[in-house]
Amino acid sequence: MANRLDNEYDYLFKIVPIGDSVVGKSNILSRFTRNEFCLESKSTIGVEFTTRTVHNVIIKRFQT
C-alpha cells in the first residue's frame, strides 16, 4: 500500500549525518527540524527520527 504522503510533496530528502561523537550533529538537525537548540544535550543512543516539510519538500532526518 502506498504511503499517504507519496503524492503530497515534490521532493523527499533523507539525511543521515556522520561524524565524530559529541560534535553537534543532533543539535544542528534539531535546530532545523524543531527550531530547538540544547546546550546540555546527551549523546544519541539508538536512532532518532524527525521530519520537516518546507513548501512541497519533505526532509527526513535519521540520527544514529
PDB file of N, CA and C in Angstrom:
ATOM      1  N   MET A   1       0.843  -1.176   0.000  1.00  0.00           N
ATOM      2  CA  MET A   1       0.000   0.000   0.000  1.00  0.00           C
ATOM      3  C   MET A   1       0.889   1.240   0.000  1.00  0.00           C
ATOM      4  N   ALA A   2       0.568   2.197  -0.814  1.00  0.00           N
ATOM      5  CA  ALA A   2       1.355   3.425  -0.912  1.00  0.00           C
ATOM      6  C   ALA A   2       1.124   4.299   0.311  1.00  0.00           C
ATOM      7  N   ASN A   3       2.169   4.993   0.698  1.00  0.00           N
ATOM      8  CA  ASN A   3       2.089   5.926   1.813  1.00  0.00           C
ATOM      9  C   ASN A   3       1.211   7.106   1.417  1.00  0.00           C
ATOM     10  N   ARG A   4       0.404   7.603   2.342  1.00  0.00           N
ATOM     11  CA  ARG A   4      -0.486   8.724   2.085  1.00  0.00           C
ATOM     12  C   ARG A   4       0.273   9.960   1.621  1.00  0.00           C
ATOM     13  N   LEU A   5       1.521  10.129   2.061  1.00  0.00           N
ATOM     14  CA  LEU A   5       2.307  11.308   1.707  1.00  0.00           C
ATOM     15  C   LEU A   5       2.954  11.212   0.334  1.00  0.00           C
ATOM     16  N   ASP A   6       2.839  10.063  -0.334  1.00  0.00           N
ATOM     17  CA  ASP A   6       3.542   9.858  -1.593  1.00  0.00           C
ATOM     18  C   ASP A   6       3.260  10.926  -2.637  1.00  0.00           C
ATOM     19  N   ASN A   7       2.064  11.457  -2.703  1.00  0.00           N
ATOM     20  CA  ASN A   7       1.720  12.442  -3.723  1.00  0.00           C
ATOM     21  C   ASN A   7       1.614  13.855  -3.168  1.00  0.00           C
ATOM     22  N   GLU A   8       2.032  14.075  -1.939  1.00  0.00           N
ATOM     23  CA  GLU A   8       1.869  15.372  -1.313  1.00  0.00           C
ATOM     24  C   GLU A   8       3.150  16.187  -1.266  1.00  0.00           C
ATOM     25  N   TYR A   9       4.191  15.752  -1.945  1.00  0.00           N
ATOM     26  CA  TYR A   9       5.433  16.508  -1.965  1.00  0.00           C
ATOM     27  C   TYR A   9       6.110  16.349  -3.313  1.00  0.00           C
ATOM     28  N   ASP A  10       6.949  17.337  -3.640  1.00  0.00           N
ATOM     29  CA  ASP A  10       7.684  17.311  -4.904  1.00  0.00           C
ATOM     30  C   ASP A  10       9.006  16.573  -4.767  1.00  0.00           C
ATOM     31  N   TYR A  11       9.657  16.725  -3.621  1.00  0.00           N
ATOM     32  CA  TYR A  11      10.958  16.100  -3.378  1.00  0.00           C
ATOM     33  C   TYR A  11      10.978  15.531  -1.975  1.00  0.00           C
ATOM     34  N   LEU A  12      11.777  14.485  -1.785  1.00  0.00           N
ATOM     35  CA  LEU A  12      11.980  13.890  -0.467  1.00  0.00           C
ATOM     36  C   LEU A  12      13.475  13.706  -0.265  1.00  0.00           C
ATOM     37  N   PHE A  13      14.014  14.319   0.773  1.00  0.00           N
ATOM     38  CA  PHE A  13      15.426  14.184   1.112  1.00  0.00           C
ATOM     39  C   PHE A  13      15.528  13.440   2.431  1.00  0.00           C
ATOM     40  N   LYS A  14      16.394  12.443   2.485  1.00  0.00           N
ATOM     41  CA  LYS A  14      16.674  11.730   3.731  1.00  0.00           C
ATOM     42  C   LYS A  14      18.106  12.049   4.118  1.00  0.00           C
ATOM     43  N   ILE A  15      18.283  12.521   5.346  1.00  0.00           N
ATOM     44  CA  ILE A  15      19.587  12.980   5.817  1.00  0.00           C
ATOM     45  C   ILE A  15      20.060  12.074   6.941  1.00  0.00           C
ATOM     46  N   VAL A  16      21.277  11.562   6.811  1.00  0.00           N
ATOM     47  CA  VAL A  16      21.917  10.781   7.868  1.00  0.00           C
ATOM     48  C   VAL A  16      23.269  11.428   8.132  1.00  0.00           C
ATOM     49  N   PRO A  17      23.385  12.226   9.207  1.00  0.00           N
ATOM     50  CA  PRO A  17      24.665  12.878   9.496  1.00  0.00           C
ATOM     51  C   PRO A  17      25.696  11.870  10.002  1.00  0.00           C
ATOM     52  N   ILE A  18      26.925  12.061   9.590  1.00  0.00           N
ATOM     53  CA  ILE A  18      28.016  11.211  10.072  1.00  0.00           C
ATOM     54  C   ILE A  18      29.113  12.103  10.628  1.00  0.00           C
ATOM     55  N   GLY A  19      29.857  11.581  11.571  1.00  0.00           N
ATOM     56  CA  GLY A  19      30.949  12.338  12.157  1.00  0.00           C
ATOM     57  C   GLY A  19      31.286  11.821  13.539  1.00  0.00           C
ATOM     58  N   ASP A  20      32.263  12.456  14.145  1.00  0.00           N
ATOM     59  CA  ASP A  20      32.708  12.071  15.482  1.00  0.00           C
ATOM     60  C   ASP A  20      31.605  12.297  16.509  1.00  0.00           C
ATOM     61  N   SER A  21      31.757  11.660  17.656  1.00  0.00           N
ATOM     62  CA  SER A  21      30.812  11.818  18.763  1.00  0.00           C
ATOM     63  C   SER A  21      30.920  13.211  19.365  1.00  0.00           C
ATOM     64  N   VAL A  22      29.814  13.699  19.879  1.00  0.00           N
ATOM     65  CA  VAL A  22      29.723  14.939  20.653  1.00  0.00           C
ATOM     66  C   VAL A  22      30.257  16.153  19.879  1.00  0.00           C
ATOM     67  N   VAL A  23      29.900  16.252  18.595  1.00  0.00           N
ATOM     68  CA  VAL A  23      30.312  17.427  17.818  1.00  0.00           C
ATOM     69  C   VAL A  23      29.127  18.308  17.435  1.00  0.00           C
ATOM     70  N   GLY A  24      27.888  17.873  17.730  1.00  0.00           N
ATOM     71  CA  GLY A  24      26.725  18.714  17.485  1.00  0.00           C
ATOM     72  C   GLY A  24      25.841  18.303  16.320  1.00  0.00           C
ATOM     73  N   LYS A  25      25.995  17.088  15.825  1.00  0.00           N
ATOM     74  CA  LYS A  25      25.166  16.635  14.703  1.00  0.00           C
ATOM     75  C   LYS A  25      23.678  16.707  15.064  1.00  0.00           C
ATOM     76  N   SER A  26      23.319  16.211  16.214  1.00  0.00           N
ATOM     77  CA  SER A  26      21.914  16.217  16.637  1.00  0.00           C
ATOM     78  C   SER A  26      21.399  17.634  16.815  1.00  0.00           C
ATOM     79  N   ASN A  27      22.202  18.511  17.396  1.00  0.00           N
ATOM     80  CA  ASN A  27      21.763  19.884  17.623  1.00  0.00           C
ATOM     81  C   ASN A  27      21.569  20.657  16.328  1.00  0.00           C
ATOM     82  N   ILE A  28      22.412  20.432  15.349  1.00  0.00           N
ATOM     83  CA  ILE A  28      22.246  21.109  14.058  1.00  0.00           C
ATOM     84  C   ILE A  28      20.918  20.701  13.425  1.00  0.00           C
ATOM     85  N   LEU A  29      20.654  19.408  13.410  1.00  0.00           N
ATOM     86  CA  LEU A  29      19.426  18.935  12.790  1.00  0.00           C
ATOM     87  C   LEU A  29      18.197  19.237  13.642  1.00  0.00           C
ATOM     88  N   SER A  30      18.342  19.261  14.952  1.00  0.00           N
ATOM     89  CA  SER A  30      17.241  19.638  15.827  1.00  0.00           C
ATOM     90  C   SER A  30      16.867  21.101  15.618  1.00  0.00           C
ATOM     91  N   ARG A  31      17.858  21.938  15.417  1.00  0.00           N
ATOM     92  CA  ARG A  31      17.598  23.355  15.137  1.00  0.00           C
ATOM     93  C   ARG A  31      16.802  23.496  13.841  1.00  0.00           C
ATOM     94  N   PHE A  32      17.151  22.709  12.841  1.00  0.00           N
ATOM     95  CA  PHE A  32      16.459  22.797  11.554  1.00  0.00           C
ATOM     96  C   PHE A  32      15.048  22.221  11.614  1.00  0.00           C
ATOM     97  N   THR A  33      14.866  21.055  12.233  1.00  0.00           N
ATOM     98  CA  THR A  33      13.558  20.398  12.201  1.00  0.00           C
ATOM     99  C   THR A  33      12.590  20.916  13.253  1.00  0.00           C
ATOM    100  N   ARG A  34      13.085  21.316  14.443  1.00  0.00           N
ATOM    101  CA  ARG A  34      12.197  21.745  15.528  1.00  0.00           C
ATOM    102  C   ARG A  34      12.481  23.156  16.024  1.00  0.00           C
ATOM    103  N   ASN A  35      13.478  23.820  15.446  1.00  0.00           N
ATOM    104  CA  ASN A  35      13.903  25.149  15.879  1.00  0.00           C
ATOM    105  C   ASN A  35      14.263  25.154  17.367  1.00  0.00           C
ATOM    106  N   GLU A  36      14.958  24.099  17.804  1.00  0.00           N
ATOM    107  CA  GLU A  36      15.415  23.977  19.189  1.00  0.00           C
ATOM    108  C   GLU A  36      16.926  23.806  19.213  1.00  0.00           C
ATOM    109  N   PHE A  37      17.532  24.266  20.288  1.00  0.00           N
ATOM    110  CA  PHE A  37      18.964  24.049  20.496  1.00  0.00           C
ATOM    111  C   PHE A  37      19.183  23.853  21.984  1.00  0.00           C
ATOM    112  N   CYS A  38      19.855  22.783  22.356  1.00  0.00           N
ATOM    113  CA  CYS A  38      20.068  22.463  23.765  1.00  0.00           C
ATOM    114  C   CYS A  38      21.566  22.399  24.047  1.00  0.00           C
ATOM    115  N   LEU A  39      22.035  23.258  24.924  1.00  0.00           N
ATOM    116  CA  LEU A  39      23.454  23.260  25.275  1.00  0.00           C
ATOM    117  C   LEU A  39      23.849  22.026  26.075  1.00  0.00           C
ATOM    118  N   GLU A  40      22.895  21.414  26.751  1.00  0.00           N
ATOM    119  CA  GLU A  40      23.194  20.273  27.610  1.00  0.00           C
ATOM    120  C   GLU A  40      22.633  18.977  27.028  1.00  0.00           C
ATOM    121  N   SER A  41      22.715  18.810  25.728  1.00  0.00           N
ATOM    122  CA  SER A  41      22.165  17.602  25.105  1.00  0.00           C
ATOM    123  C   SER A  41      23.037  16.392  25.413  1.00  0.00           C
ATOM    124  N   LYS A  42      22.418  15.231  25.348  1.00  0.00           N
ATOM    125  CA  LYS A  42      23.115  13.977  25.619  1.00  0.00           C
ATOM    126  C   LYS A  42      23.362  13.249  24.309  1.00  0.00           C
ATOM    127  N   SER A  43      24.273  12.296  24.331  1.00  0.00           N
ATOM    128  CA  SER A  43      24.574  11.508  23.138  1.00  0.00           C
ATOM    129  C   SER A  43      23.336  10.746  22.683  1.00  0.00           C
ATOM    130  N   THR A  44      23.185  10.618  21.378  1.00  0.00           N
ATOM    131  CA  THR A  44      22.079   9.856  20.810  1.00  0.00           C
ATOM    132  C   THR A  44      22.359   8.369  20.989  1.00  0.00           C
ATOM    133  N   ILE A  45      21.403   7.668  21.575  1.00  0.00           N
ATOM    134  CA  ILE A  45      21.519   6.221  21.733  1.00  0.00           C
ATOM    135  C   ILE A  45      20.403   5.605  20.908  1.00  0.00           C
ATOM    136  N   GLY A  46      20.756   4.720  20.010  1.00  0.00           N
ATOM    137  CA  GLY A  46      19.766   4.148  19.107  1.00  0.00           C
ATOM    138  C   GLY A  46      19.592   5.047  17.896  1.00  0.00           C
ATOM    139  N   VAL A  47      18.350   5.217  17.465  1.00  0.00           N
ATOM    140  CA  VAL A  47      18.045   6.026  16.284  1.00  0.00           C
ATOM    141  C   VAL A  47      16.999   7.064  16.648  1.00  0.00           C
ATOM    142  N   GLU A  48      17.195   8.282  16.201  1.00  0.00           N
ATOM    143  CA  GLU A  48      16.226   9.353  16.378  1.00  0.00           C
ATOM    144  C   GLU A  48      15.739   9.755  14.997  1.00  0.00           C
ATOM    145  N   PHE A  49      14.451  10.022  14.871  1.00  0.00           N
ATOM    146  CA  PHE A  49      13.862  10.316  13.573  1.00  0.00           C
ATOM    147  C   PHE A  49      12.976  11.546  13.683  1.00  0.00           C
ATOM    148  N   THR A  50      13.165  12.533  12.815  1.00  0.00           N
ATOM    149  CA  THR A  50      12.288  13.696  12.755  1.00  0.00           C
ATOM    150  C   THR A  50      12.024  14.040  11.296  1.00  0.00           C
ATOM    151  N   THR A  51      10.953  14.776  11.071  1.00  0.00           N
ATOM    152  CA  THR A  51      10.571  15.175   9.719  1.00  0.00           C
ATOM    153  C   THR A  51      10.190  16.646   9.718  1.00  0.00           C
ATOM    154  N   ARG A  52      10.545  17.335   8.650  1.00  0.00           N
ATOM    155  CA  ARG A  52      10.117  18.717   8.454  1.00  0.00           C
ATOM    156  C   ARG A  52       9.731  18.886   6.994  1.00  0.00           C
ATOM    157  N   THR A  53       8.624  19.565   6.756  1.00  0.00           N
ATOM    158  CA  THR A  53       8.186  19.856   5.395  1.00  0.00           C
ATOM    159  C   THR A  53       8.373  21.342   5.133  1.00  0.00           C
ATOM    160  N   VAL A  54       9.077  21.672   4.063  1.00  0.00           N
ATOM    161  CA  VAL A  54       9.304  23.055   3.655  1.00  0.00           C
ATOM    162  C   VAL A  54       8.733  23.176   2.251  1.00  0.00           C
ATOM    163  N   HIS A  55       7.684  23.949   2.100  1.00  0.00           N
ATOM    164  CA  HIS A  55       6.935  24.044   0.843  1.00  0.00           C
ATOM    165  C   HIS A  55       6.479  22.629   0.480  1.00  0.00           C
ATOM    166  N   ASN A  56       6.808  22.115  -0.658  1.00  0.00           N
ATOM    167  CA  ASN A  56       6.428  20.746  -1.021  1.00  0.00           C
ATOM    168  C   ASN A  56       7.630  19.823  -1.024  1.00  0.00           C
ATOM    169  N   VAL A  57       8.562  20.067  -0.104  1.00  0.00           N
ATOM    170  CA  VAL A  57       9.757  19.238   0.034  1.00  0.00           C
ATOM    171  C   VAL A  57       9.747  18.651   1.439  1.00  0.00           C
ATOM    172  N   ILE A  58       9.882  17.351   1.549  1.00  0.00           N
ATOM    173  CA  ILE A  58       9.941  16.697   2.857  1.00  0.00           C
ATOM    174  C   ILE A  58      11.385  16.321   3.143  1.00  0.00           C
ATOM    175  N   ILE A  59      11.831  16.637   4.351  1.00  0.00           N
ATOM    176  CA  ILE A  59      13.180  16.298   4.782  1.00  0.00           C
ATOM    177  C   ILE A  59      13.047  15.366   5.977  1.00  0.00           C
ATOM    178  N   LYS A  60      13.558  14.158   5.846  1.00  0.00           N
ATOM    179  CA  LYS A  60      13.530  13.189   6.933  1.00  0.00           C
ATOM    180  C   LYS A  60      14.934  13.053   7.481  1.00  0.00           C
ATOM    181  N   ARG A  61      15.046  13.146   8.784  1.00  0.00           N
ATOM    182  CA  ARG A  61      16.349  13.091   9.440  1.00  0.00           C
ATOM    183  C   ARG A  61      16.438  11.822  10.255  1.00  0.00           C
ATOM    184  N   PHE A  62      17.510  11.094  10.054  1.00  0.00           N
ATOM    185  CA  PHE A  62      17.794   9.889  10.822  1.00  0.00           C
ATOM    186  C   PHE A  62      19.085  10.125  11.580  1.00  0.00           C
ATOM    187  N   GLN A  63      19.054  10.023  12.884  1.00  0.00           N
ATOM    188  CA  GLN A  63      20.239  10.237  13.714  1.00  0.00           C
ATOM    189  C   GLN A  63      20.583   8.931  14.390  1.00  0.00           C
ATOM    190  N   THR A  64      21.835   8.505  14.244  1.00  0.00           N
ATOM    191  CA  THR A  64      22.258   7.268  14.893  1.00  0.00           C
ATOM    192  C   THR A  64      23.326   7.549  15.913  1.00  0.00           C
TER     193      THR A  64
END
